[in-house]
Amino acid sequence: MVAAEDLRRRAGTGAIPQTPRLTLREMSASDLDDMAALLGDPEVMRYYPRPKTRDEALGWIRWNERLYQTFGFGLWLMRLAETDGFVGDCGLTVQHVDGEAEVEVGYHVRSDLWCRGLATEAAAACRDYATTVLGLDRLVAIVNPQNHPSQRVAEKIGMTVERQIVYADRPALLFVFGCAASPST
């Protein structure tokens, strides 16, 4: 993976991705009510160990603020362009998979807004940002094997399953866009 300083420099050359229906922006503590509701929703968090508490949602925001500072990207807050209504989050994070740093595209959408293509639209914009602005030739998504909707989003943005992994002590599928070969091979 490219060094953090290079990623931060490259990220500074491009605006946060936007789509026709969605605006994305950095999240902050002022978004805590929305993020706590999202990350506390048992449906949204079905494939996580459990929903997050309000304090954990604040920790999520702080983690993303550190990502913005370190890499120039993170998970961004999604809002509907037309109404400014809160949708969820989507963006890029650095994850460690089998000892290798990988850039992952991730997304969470309010459960009442599922099946509208919003996660796919935002994830595709983030994929394009990763390849064109950041110059990455590989992007991953770490998906629970039972999370078929998230798998479909990954597939719709051109990702394919590279292999099964264990991530955070749980089985997962590693979806890859770009160079299909594992960085360790």
N, C-alpha and C. Protein backbone atom coordinates (compact mmCIF):
# COMPACT_ATOMS: atom_id res chain seq x y z
N MET A 1 0.84 -1.18 0.00
CA MET A 1 0.00 0.00 0.00
C MET A 1 0.88 1.24 0.00
N VAL A 2 0.38 2.31 -0.54
CA VAL A 2 1.07 3.59 -0.59
C VAL A 2 1.19 4.16 0.83
N ALA A 3 2.26 4.87 1.12
CA ALA A 3 2.48 5.45 2.44
C ALA A 3 1.41 6.47 2.79
N ALA A 4 1.15 6.61 4.09
CA ALA A 4 0.11 7.53 4.58
C ALA A 4 0.32 8.95 4.07
N GLU A 5 1.59 9.41 4.07
CA GLU A 5 1.86 10.79 3.62
C GLU A 5 1.48 10.97 2.15
N ASP A 6 1.77 9.95 1.34
CA ASP A 6 1.43 10.02 -0.09
C ASP A 6 -0.08 9.99 -0.28
N LEU A 7 -0.77 9.16 0.48
CA LEU A 7 -2.23 9.11 0.38
C LEU A 7 -2.84 10.44 0.79
N ARG A 8 -2.35 11.03 1.88
CA ARG A 8 -2.87 12.32 2.34
C ARG A 8 -2.63 13.40 1.29
N ARG A 9 -1.44 13.38 0.67
CA ARG A 9 -1.13 14.36 -0.37
C ARG A 9 -2.06 14.17 -1.57
N ARG A 10 -2.22 12.93 -2.01
CA ARG A 10 -3.09 12.65 -3.15
C ARG A 10 -4.55 13.01 -2.85
N ALA A 11 -5.00 12.69 -1.63
CA ALA A 11 -6.38 13.00 -1.25
C ALA A 11 -6.62 14.51 -1.29
N GLY A 12 -5.60 15.28 -0.98
CA GLY A 12 -5.72 16.74 -1.00
C GLY A 12 -5.90 17.30 -2.39
N THR A 13 -5.66 16.49 -3.43
CA THR A 13 -5.81 16.97 -4.81
C THR A 13 -7.22 16.80 -5.35
N GLY A 14 -8.08 16.09 -4.62
CA GLY A 14 -9.43 15.85 -5.11
C GLY A 14 -10.46 16.09 -4.03
N ALA A 15 -11.62 16.56 -4.46
CA ALA A 15 -12.71 16.81 -3.52
C ALA A 15 -13.31 15.48 -3.07
N ILE A 16 -13.95 15.49 -1.93
CA ILE A 16 -14.68 14.31 -1.46
C ILE A 16 -15.69 13.95 -2.55
N PRO A 17 -15.81 12.66 -2.85
CA PRO A 17 -16.73 12.28 -3.94
C PRO A 17 -18.18 12.67 -3.64
N GLN A 18 -18.89 12.97 -4.68
CA GLN A 18 -20.32 13.30 -4.61
C GLN A 18 -21.03 12.48 -5.69
N THR A 19 -22.32 12.33 -5.58
CA THR A 19 -23.10 11.64 -6.61
C THR A 19 -24.32 12.49 -6.93
N PRO A 20 -25.05 12.13 -7.96
CA PRO A 20 -26.25 12.93 -8.27
C PRO A 20 -27.26 12.99 -7.12
N ARG A 21 -27.36 11.91 -6.33
CA ARG A 21 -28.36 11.89 -5.25
C ARG A 21 -27.78 12.12 -3.87
N LEU A 22 -26.44 12.07 -3.74
CA LEU A 22 -25.83 12.10 -2.41
C LEU A 22 -24.73 13.13 -2.30
N THR A 23 -24.67 13.76 -1.14
CA THR A 23 -23.51 14.57 -0.79
C THR A 23 -22.77 13.82 0.32
N LEU A 24 -21.46 13.83 0.23
CA LEU A 24 -20.62 13.21 1.25
C LEU A 24 -19.74 14.29 1.84
N ARG A 25 -19.50 14.20 3.14
CA ARG A 25 -18.64 15.16 3.82
C ARG A 25 -18.03 14.49 5.04
N GLU A 26 -16.99 15.10 5.58
CA GLU A 26 -16.40 14.59 6.80
C GLU A 26 -17.41 14.66 7.93
N MET A 27 -17.42 13.63 8.75
CA MET A 27 -18.30 13.65 9.92
C MET A 27 -17.59 14.32 11.09
N SER A 28 -18.38 14.80 12.03
CA SER A 28 -17.83 15.43 13.24
C SER A 28 -18.76 15.11 14.41
N ALA A 29 -18.36 15.56 15.58
CA ALA A 29 -19.16 15.30 16.79
C ALA A 29 -20.58 15.85 16.66
N SER A 30 -20.77 16.87 15.83
CA SER A 30 -22.13 17.41 15.66
C SER A 30 -23.06 16.42 14.95
N ASP A 31 -22.50 15.35 14.41
CA ASP A 31 -23.30 14.30 13.74
C ASP A 31 -23.61 13.13 14.67
N LEU A 32 -23.33 13.29 15.95
CA LEU A 32 -23.46 12.16 16.87
C LEU A 32 -24.88 11.60 16.93
N ASP A 33 -25.89 12.43 16.95
CA ASP A 33 -27.26 11.90 17.03
C ASP A 33 -27.55 10.98 15.84
N ASP A 34 -27.22 11.43 14.64
CA ASP A 34 -27.46 10.60 13.45
C ASP A 34 -26.62 9.33 13.47
N MET A 35 -25.34 9.46 13.80
CA MET A 35 -24.46 8.29 13.78
C MET A 35 -24.82 7.31 14.90
N ALA A 36 -25.23 7.80 16.05
CA ALA A 36 -25.64 6.91 17.14
C ALA A 36 -26.90 6.13 16.75
N ALA A 37 -27.82 6.80 16.08
CA ALA A 37 -29.03 6.10 15.62
C ALA A 37 -28.68 5.04 14.58
N LEU A 38 -27.80 5.39 13.65
CA LEU A 38 -27.40 4.44 12.60
C LEU A 38 -26.68 3.24 13.20
N LEU A 39 -25.63 3.49 13.96
CA LEU A 39 -24.79 2.42 14.49
C LEU A 39 -25.44 1.69 15.67
N GLY A 40 -26.51 2.25 16.21
CA GLY A 40 -27.26 1.60 17.28
C GLY A 40 -28.44 0.79 16.77
N ASP A 41 -28.70 0.85 15.47
CA ASP A 41 -29.82 0.13 14.87
C ASP A 41 -29.46 -1.35 14.72
N PRO A 42 -30.18 -2.25 15.38
CA PRO A 42 -29.87 -3.68 15.29
C PRO A 42 -29.91 -4.22 13.86
N GLU A 43 -30.75 -3.68 13.00
CA GLU A 43 -30.80 -4.13 11.61
C GLU A 43 -29.54 -3.73 10.84
N VAL A 44 -29.12 -2.48 10.99
CA VAL A 44 -27.91 -2.01 10.32
C VAL A 44 -26.69 -2.78 10.82
N MET A 45 -26.67 -3.10 12.10
CA MET A 45 -25.51 -3.74 12.72
C MET A 45 -25.66 -5.26 12.85
N ARG A 46 -26.57 -5.83 12.11
CA ARG A 46 -26.86 -7.27 12.20
C ARG A 46 -25.62 -8.14 12.06
N TYR A 47 -24.68 -7.76 11.23
CA TYR A 47 -23.50 -8.59 10.97
C TYR A 47 -22.27 -8.15 11.76
N TYR A 48 -22.48 -7.29 12.72
CA TYR A 48 -21.45 -6.90 13.67
C TYR A 48 -21.72 -7.67 14.96
N PRO A 49 -20.78 -7.69 15.87
CA PRO A 49 -21.04 -8.41 17.12
C PRO A 49 -22.28 -7.90 17.86
N ARG A 50 -22.54 -6.59 17.77
CA ARG A 50 -23.71 -5.99 18.43
C ARG A 50 -23.81 -4.55 17.95
N PRO A 51 -24.99 -3.92 18.14
CA PRO A 51 -25.09 -2.48 17.85
C PRO A 51 -24.15 -1.70 18.76
N LYS A 52 -23.79 -0.52 18.32
CA LYS A 52 -22.89 0.34 19.10
C LYS A 52 -23.69 1.24 20.03
N THR A 53 -23.09 1.54 21.17
CA THR A 53 -23.68 2.50 22.11
C THR A 53 -23.41 3.92 21.59
N ARG A 54 -24.02 4.88 22.23
CA ARG A 54 -23.78 6.28 21.86
C ARG A 54 -22.31 6.64 22.04
N ASP A 55 -21.69 6.19 23.12
CA ASP A 55 -20.26 6.46 23.33
C ASP A 55 -19.42 5.80 22.25
N GLU A 56 -19.79 4.59 21.85
CA GLU A 56 -19.05 3.90 20.78
C GLU A 56 -19.25 4.62 19.44
N ALA A 57 -20.44 5.18 19.22
CA ALA A 57 -20.68 5.95 17.99
C ALA A 57 -19.79 7.20 17.99
N LEU A 58 -19.61 7.83 19.14
CA LEU A 58 -18.70 8.97 19.22
C LEU A 58 -17.27 8.49 18.93
N GLY A 59 -16.89 7.34 19.44
CA GLY A 59 -15.58 6.77 19.14
C GLY A 59 -15.42 6.52 17.65
N TRP A 60 -16.48 6.10 16.97
CA TRP A 60 -16.47 5.88 15.52
C TRP A 60 -16.18 7.20 14.80
N ILE A 61 -16.84 8.26 15.24
CA ILE A 61 -16.61 9.58 14.65
C ILE A 61 -15.16 10.01 14.88
N ARG A 62 -14.68 9.86 16.09
CA ARG A 62 -13.29 10.24 16.40
C ARG A 62 -12.29 9.42 15.59
N TRP A 63 -12.56 8.13 15.40
CA TRP A 63 -11.70 7.27 14.56
C TRP A 63 -11.64 7.84 13.14
N ASN A 64 -12.79 8.22 12.60
CA ASN A 64 -12.80 8.78 11.25
C ASN A 64 -12.09 10.12 11.19
N GLU A 65 -12.23 10.94 12.22
CA GLU A 65 -11.49 12.20 12.25
C GLU A 65 -9.97 11.94 12.21
N ARG A 66 -9.52 10.91 12.92
CA ARG A 66 -8.09 10.55 12.86
C ARG A 66 -7.70 10.06 11.47
N LEU A 67 -8.60 9.31 10.83
CA LEU A 67 -8.32 8.85 9.46
C LEU A 67 -8.19 10.04 8.50
N TYR A 68 -9.07 11.04 8.63
CA TYR A 68 -8.99 12.22 7.77
C TYR A 68 -7.62 12.90 7.93
N GLN A 69 -7.18 13.01 9.18
CA GLN A 69 -5.89 13.66 9.45
C GLN A 69 -4.72 12.85 8.94
N THR A 70 -4.78 11.54 9.11
CA THR A 70 -3.65 10.67 8.75
C THR A 70 -3.58 10.41 7.25
N PHE A 71 -4.73 10.06 6.67
CA PHE A 71 -4.74 9.61 5.27
C PHE A 71 -5.41 10.58 4.31
N GLY A 72 -6.19 11.52 4.82
CA GLY A 72 -6.93 12.43 3.95
C GLY A 72 -8.28 11.87 3.52
N PHE A 73 -8.66 10.73 4.08
CA PHE A 73 -9.96 10.12 3.80
C PHE A 73 -10.38 9.29 4.99
N GLY A 74 -11.61 8.85 4.98
CA GLY A 74 -12.19 7.99 6.01
C GLY A 74 -13.60 7.67 5.56
N LEU A 75 -14.44 7.28 6.48
CA LEU A 75 -15.86 7.14 6.15
C LEU A 75 -16.46 8.53 6.20
N TRP A 76 -17.18 8.86 5.16
CA TRP A 76 -17.82 10.17 5.09
C TRP A 76 -19.30 10.06 5.39
N LEU A 77 -19.86 11.11 5.93
CA LEU A 77 -21.28 11.16 6.21
C LEU A 77 -22.02 11.34 4.89
N MET A 78 -23.09 10.56 4.69
CA MET A 78 -23.90 10.66 3.47
C MET A 78 -25.22 11.36 3.79
N ARG A 79 -25.57 12.29 2.92
CA ARG A 79 -26.86 12.96 3.03
C ARG A 79 -27.50 13.01 1.65
N LEU A 80 -28.81 13.02 1.61
CA LEU A 80 -29.51 13.16 0.34
C LEU A 80 -29.30 14.56 -0.20
N ALA A 81 -28.89 14.67 -1.44
CA ALA A 81 -28.60 15.98 -2.03
C ALA A 81 -29.84 16.85 -2.08
N GLU A 82 -30.97 16.25 -2.38
CA GLU A 82 -32.19 17.03 -2.57
C GLU A 82 -32.77 17.57 -1.26
N THR A 83 -32.72 16.78 -0.19
CA THR A 83 -33.38 17.17 1.07
C THR A 83 -32.42 17.40 2.23
N ASP A 84 -31.16 17.02 2.08
CA ASP A 84 -30.15 17.07 3.12
C ASP A 84 -30.44 16.07 4.24
N GLY A 85 -31.31 15.10 3.98
CA GLY A 85 -31.63 14.09 4.99
C GLY A 85 -30.47 13.11 5.18
N PHE A 86 -30.25 12.70 6.41
CA PHE A 86 -29.18 11.78 6.76
C PHE A 86 -29.44 10.40 6.15
N VAL A 87 -28.40 9.83 5.53
CA VAL A 87 -28.49 8.51 4.90
C VAL A 87 -27.65 7.48 5.65
N GLY A 88 -26.40 7.82 5.96
CA GLY A 88 -25.49 6.87 6.58
C GLY A 88 -24.06 7.33 6.40
N ASP A 89 -23.15 6.35 6.27
CA ASP A 89 -21.76 6.70 5.99
C ASP A 89 -21.22 5.79 4.91
N CYS A 90 -20.22 6.28 4.21
CA CYS A 90 -19.56 5.51 3.16
C CYS A 90 -18.21 6.17 2.92
N GLY A 91 -17.23 5.35 2.66
CA GLY A 91 -15.92 5.90 2.36
C GLY A 91 -14.85 4.84 2.39
N LEU A 92 -13.64 5.30 2.67
CA LEU A 92 -12.46 4.45 2.61
C LEU A 92 -11.76 4.44 3.95
N THR A 93 -11.33 3.27 4.38
CA THR A 93 -10.56 3.12 5.61
C THR A 93 -9.39 2.19 5.35
N VAL A 94 -8.38 2.30 6.18
CA VAL A 94 -7.25 1.38 6.09
C VAL A 94 -7.49 0.27 7.10
N GLN A 95 -7.49 -0.96 6.61
CA GLN A 95 -7.70 -2.14 7.44
C GLN A 95 -6.49 -3.07 7.28
N HIS A 96 -6.24 -3.86 8.30
CA HIS A 96 -5.14 -4.83 8.23
C HIS A 96 -5.73 -6.22 8.02
N VAL A 97 -5.37 -6.81 6.90
CA VAL A 97 -5.86 -8.13 6.52
C VAL A 97 -4.66 -9.05 6.38
N ASP A 98 -4.62 -10.06 7.20
CA ASP A 98 -3.51 -11.03 7.17
C ASP A 98 -2.16 -10.32 7.19
N GLY A 99 -2.05 -9.28 8.02
CA GLY A 99 -0.79 -8.56 8.19
C GLY A 99 -0.47 -7.53 7.13
N GLU A 100 -1.36 -7.34 6.17
CA GLU A 100 -1.16 -6.36 5.09
C GLU A 100 -2.15 -5.21 5.25
N ALA A 101 -1.66 -3.98 5.06
CA ALA A 101 -2.54 -2.81 5.07
C ALA A 101 -3.28 -2.76 3.74
N GLU A 102 -4.59 -2.65 3.82
CA GLU A 102 -5.45 -2.58 2.64
C GLU A 102 -6.37 -1.38 2.78
N VAL A 103 -6.74 -0.77 1.66
CA VAL A 103 -7.76 0.27 1.69
C VAL A 103 -9.09 -0.40 1.39
N GLU A 104 -10.03 -0.20 2.31
CA GLU A 104 -11.34 -0.83 2.19
C GLU A 104 -12.41 0.22 1.91
N VAL A 105 -13.36 -0.14 1.05
CA VAL A 105 -14.56 0.67 0.89
C VAL A 105 -15.60 0.09 1.85
N GLY A 106 -16.22 0.97 2.63
CA GLY A 106 -17.23 0.54 3.59
C GLY A 106 -18.45 1.43 3.51
N TYR A 107 -19.57 0.91 3.98
CA TYR A 107 -20.83 1.64 3.87
C TYR A 107 -21.83 1.13 4.89
N HIS A 108 -22.63 2.04 5.40
CA HIS A 108 -23.76 1.76 6.29
C HIS A 108 -24.88 2.71 5.86
N VAL A 109 -26.06 2.18 5.64
CA VAL A 109 -27.21 2.99 5.23
C VAL A 109 -28.36 2.73 6.21
N ARG A 110 -29.07 3.80 6.56
CA ARG A 110 -30.26 3.65 7.42
C ARG A 110 -31.16 2.54 6.87
N SER A 111 -31.66 1.69 7.74
CA SER A 111 -32.45 0.55 7.29
C SER A 111 -33.72 0.96 6.55
N ASP A 112 -34.30 2.11 6.87
CA ASP A 112 -35.51 2.55 6.15
C ASP A 112 -35.20 3.07 4.75
N LEU A 113 -33.90 3.16 4.40
CA LEU A 113 -33.51 3.62 3.05
C LEU A 113 -32.86 2.49 2.23
N TRP A 114 -32.92 1.27 2.72
CA TRP A 114 -32.36 0.14 1.97
C TRP A 114 -33.11 -0.08 0.66
N CYS A 115 -32.46 -0.75 -0.26
CA CYS A 115 -33.03 -1.18 -1.54
C CYS A 115 -33.34 -0.01 -2.47
N ARG A 116 -32.60 1.08 -2.33
CA ARG A 116 -32.75 2.24 -3.22
C ARG A 116 -31.48 2.51 -4.02
N GLY A 117 -30.47 1.66 -3.85
CA GLY A 117 -29.22 1.82 -4.58
C GLY A 117 -28.28 2.87 -4.01
N LEU A 118 -28.58 3.37 -2.83
CA LEU A 118 -27.76 4.45 -2.27
C LEU A 118 -26.37 3.96 -1.87
N ALA A 119 -26.29 2.78 -1.25
CA ALA A 119 -24.97 2.24 -0.88
C ALA A 119 -24.14 1.99 -2.13
N THR A 120 -24.74 1.43 -3.16
CA THR A 120 -24.02 1.15 -4.40
C THR A 120 -23.54 2.44 -5.05
N GLU A 121 -24.39 3.44 -5.09
CA GLU A 121 -24.04 4.73 -5.69
C GLU A 121 -22.86 5.37 -4.96
N ALA A 122 -22.93 5.38 -3.63
CA ALA A 122 -21.84 5.98 -2.85
C ALA A 122 -20.57 5.15 -2.94
N ALA A 123 -20.70 3.83 -2.86
CA ALA A 123 -19.52 2.96 -2.92
C ALA A 123 -18.83 3.07 -4.27
N ALA A 124 -19.59 3.20 -5.35
CA ALA A 124 -18.99 3.36 -6.68
C ALA A 124 -18.22 4.68 -6.76
N ALA A 125 -18.77 5.74 -6.18
CA ALA A 125 -18.06 7.02 -6.17
C ALA A 125 -16.78 6.92 -5.36
N CYS A 126 -16.81 6.20 -4.26
CA CYS A 126 -15.61 6.01 -3.43
C CYS A 126 -14.59 5.13 -4.16
N ARG A 127 -15.06 4.12 -4.87
CA ARG A 127 -14.16 3.29 -5.70
C ARG A 127 -13.45 4.15 -6.73
N ASP A 128 -14.20 5.01 -7.40
CA ASP A 128 -13.61 5.88 -8.42
C ASP A 128 -12.62 6.86 -7.80
N TYR A 129 -12.93 7.37 -6.63
CA TYR A 129 -12.02 8.26 -5.91
C TYR A 129 -10.73 7.51 -5.57
N ALA A 130 -10.86 6.28 -5.09
CA ALA A 130 -9.67 5.49 -4.72
C ALA A 130 -8.76 5.24 -5.92
N THR A 131 -9.35 4.99 -7.08
CA THR A 131 -8.54 4.67 -8.24
C THR A 131 -8.04 5.92 -8.97
N THR A 132 -8.88 6.94 -9.09
CA THR A 132 -8.46 8.11 -9.87
C THR A 132 -7.72 9.15 -9.04
N VAL A 133 -8.23 9.48 -7.85
CA VAL A 133 -7.59 10.51 -7.03
C VAL A 133 -6.41 9.92 -6.25
N LEU A 134 -6.65 8.79 -5.60
CA LEU A 134 -5.58 8.19 -4.78
C LEU A 134 -4.61 7.34 -5.60
N GLY A 135 -5.02 6.96 -6.81
CA GLY A 135 -4.15 6.16 -7.67
C GLY A 135 -3.95 4.73 -7.20
N LEU A 136 -4.91 4.21 -6.45
CA LEU A 136 -4.78 2.83 -5.96
C LEU A 136 -5.13 1.84 -7.07
N ASP A 137 -4.40 0.73 -7.09
CA ASP A 137 -4.72 -0.31 -8.07
C ASP A 137 -5.42 -1.49 -7.40
N ARG A 138 -5.72 -1.36 -6.12
CA ARG A 138 -6.41 -2.42 -5.38
C ARG A 138 -7.26 -1.79 -4.30
N LEU A 139 -8.49 -2.26 -4.18
CA LEU A 139 -9.44 -1.81 -3.18
C LEU A 139 -10.15 -3.05 -2.67
N VAL A 140 -10.41 -3.13 -1.37
CA VAL A 140 -11.07 -4.31 -0.82
C VAL A 140 -12.36 -3.93 -0.10
N ALA A 141 -13.17 -4.95 0.13
CA ALA A 141 -14.33 -4.87 1.02
C ALA A 141 -14.32 -6.14 1.85
N ILE A 142 -14.46 -6.00 3.14
CA ILE A 142 -14.48 -7.12 4.06
C ILE A 142 -15.94 -7.33 4.45
N VAL A 143 -16.51 -8.48 4.04
CA VAL A 143 -17.95 -8.69 4.15
C VAL A 143 -18.25 -10.00 4.87
N ASN A 144 -19.18 -9.95 5.81
CA ASN A 144 -19.65 -11.14 6.48
C ASN A 144 -20.25 -12.09 5.44
N PRO A 145 -19.93 -13.39 5.50
CA PRO A 145 -20.45 -14.33 4.50
C PRO A 145 -21.98 -14.40 4.46
N GLN A 146 -22.65 -14.01 5.53
CA GLN A 146 -24.12 -14.04 5.55
C GLN A 146 -24.75 -12.73 5.07
N ASN A 147 -23.94 -11.69 4.88
CA ASN A 147 -24.46 -10.37 4.52
C ASN A 147 -24.58 -10.26 3.01
N HIS A 148 -25.63 -10.87 2.48
CA HIS A 148 -25.83 -10.90 1.03
C HIS A 148 -26.07 -9.51 0.42
N PRO A 149 -26.81 -8.62 1.09
CA PRO A 149 -26.96 -7.28 0.50
C PRO A 149 -25.62 -6.55 0.33
N SER A 150 -24.74 -6.64 1.32
CA SER A 150 -23.44 -6.00 1.21
C SER A 150 -22.59 -6.66 0.13
N GLN A 151 -22.71 -7.96 0.00
CA GLN A 151 -22.00 -8.67 -1.08
C GLN A 151 -22.48 -8.17 -2.44
N ARG A 152 -23.79 -7.95 -2.57
CA ARG A 152 -24.32 -7.46 -3.86
C ARG A 152 -23.79 -6.05 -4.17
N VAL A 153 -23.68 -5.20 -3.16
CA VAL A 153 -23.11 -3.87 -3.38
C VAL A 153 -21.68 -4.01 -3.91
N ALA A 154 -20.88 -4.84 -3.25
CA ALA A 154 -19.50 -5.05 -3.70
C ALA A 154 -19.46 -5.55 -5.14
N GLU A 155 -20.30 -6.51 -5.46
CA GLU A 155 -20.33 -7.05 -6.82
C GLU A 155 -20.77 -6.00 -7.84
N LYS A 156 -21.76 -5.18 -7.47
CA LYS A 156 -22.26 -4.16 -8.40
C LYS A 156 -21.21 -3.10 -8.72
N ILE A 157 -20.24 -2.90 -7.81
CA ILE A 157 -19.19 -1.91 -8.12
C ILE A 157 -17.94 -2.58 -8.70
N GLY A 158 -18.10 -3.84 -9.13
CA GLY A 158 -17.03 -4.51 -9.86
C GLY A 158 -16.07 -5.33 -9.02
N MET A 159 -16.42 -5.59 -7.77
CA MET A 159 -15.55 -6.38 -6.91
C MET A 159 -15.87 -7.87 -7.02
N THR A 160 -14.86 -8.69 -6.82
CA THR A 160 -15.04 -10.13 -6.81
C THR A 160 -14.39 -10.71 -5.55
N VAL A 161 -14.88 -11.86 -5.13
CA VAL A 161 -14.31 -12.51 -3.95
C VAL A 161 -12.93 -13.04 -4.28
N GLU A 162 -11.95 -12.62 -3.49
CA GLU A 162 -10.61 -13.13 -3.65
C GLU A 162 -10.40 -14.38 -2.79
N ARG A 163 -10.88 -14.30 -1.52
CA ARG A 163 -10.69 -15.44 -0.63
C ARG A 163 -11.50 -15.24 0.64
N GLN A 164 -11.60 -16.31 1.41
CA GLN A 164 -12.18 -16.24 2.74
C GLN A 164 -11.07 -15.88 3.71
N ILE A 165 -11.42 -15.07 4.70
CA ILE A 165 -10.45 -14.65 5.71
C ILE A 165 -11.11 -14.73 7.09
N VAL A 166 -10.31 -14.55 8.11
CA VAL A 166 -10.82 -14.32 9.46
C VAL A 166 -10.45 -12.88 9.78
N TYR A 167 -11.46 -12.09 10.09
CA TYR A 167 -11.25 -10.68 10.39
C TYR A 167 -11.96 -10.37 11.71
N ALA A 168 -11.27 -9.78 12.64
CA ALA A 168 -11.82 -9.48 13.97
C ALA A 168 -12.41 -10.75 14.59
N ASP A 169 -11.68 -11.84 14.43
CA ASP A 169 -12.06 -13.14 15.00
C ASP A 169 -13.37 -13.70 14.44
N ARG A 170 -13.75 -13.24 13.24
CA ARG A 170 -14.98 -13.73 12.62
C ARG A 170 -14.69 -14.05 11.16
N PRO A 171 -15.40 -15.05 10.61
CA PRO A 171 -15.20 -15.35 9.18
C PRO A 171 -15.68 -14.19 8.32
N ALA A 172 -15.00 -13.96 7.21
CA ALA A 172 -15.37 -12.89 6.29
C ALA A 172 -14.93 -13.26 4.88
N LEU A 173 -15.54 -12.60 3.92
CA LEU A 173 -15.13 -12.71 2.52
C LEU A 173 -14.35 -11.45 2.18
N LEU A 174 -13.22 -11.62 1.50
CA LEU A 174 -12.44 -10.47 1.05
C LEU A 174 -12.77 -10.24 -0.42
N PHE A 175 -13.52 -9.17 -0.68
CA PHE A 175 -13.83 -8.75 -2.04
C PHE A 175 -12.73 -7.81 -2.50
N VAL A 176 -12.38 -7.88 -3.79
CA VAL A 176 -11.28 -7.08 -4.33
C VAL A 176 -11.72 -6.42 -5.63
N PHE A 177 -11.33 -5.16 -5.78
CA PHE A 177 -11.46 -4.44 -7.05
C PHE A 177 -10.04 -4.11 -7.50
N GLY A 178 -9.75 -4.36 -8.75
CA GLY A 178 -8.42 -4.05 -9.26
C GLY A 178 -7.57 -5.30 -9.28
N CYS A 179 -6.33 -5.14 -8.89
CA CYS A 179 -5.38 -6.24 -8.89
C CYS A 179 -5.93 -7.38 -8.05
N ALA A 180 -6.25 -8.49 -8.67
CA ALA A 180 -6.86 -9.61 -7.95
C ALA A 180 -5.86 -10.41 -7.13
N ALA A 181 -4.59 -10.28 -7.43
CA ALA A 181 -3.60 -11.05 -6.69
C ALA A 181 -3.41 -10.48 -5.31
N SER A 182 -3.31 -11.33 -4.33
CA SER A 182 -3.07 -10.91 -2.96
C SER A 182 -1.72 -10.21 -2.88
N PRO A 183 -1.60 -9.12 -2.09
CA PRO A 183 -0.31 -8.42 -2.01
C PRO A 183 0.80 -9.30 -1.44
N SER A 184 0.44 -10.38 -0.76
CA SER A 184 1.47 -11.24 -0.18
C SER A 184 1.92 -12.35 -1.13
N THR A 185 1.33 -12.43 -2.32
CA THR A 185 1.74 -13.48 -3.28
C THR A 185 2.55 -12.90 -4.40
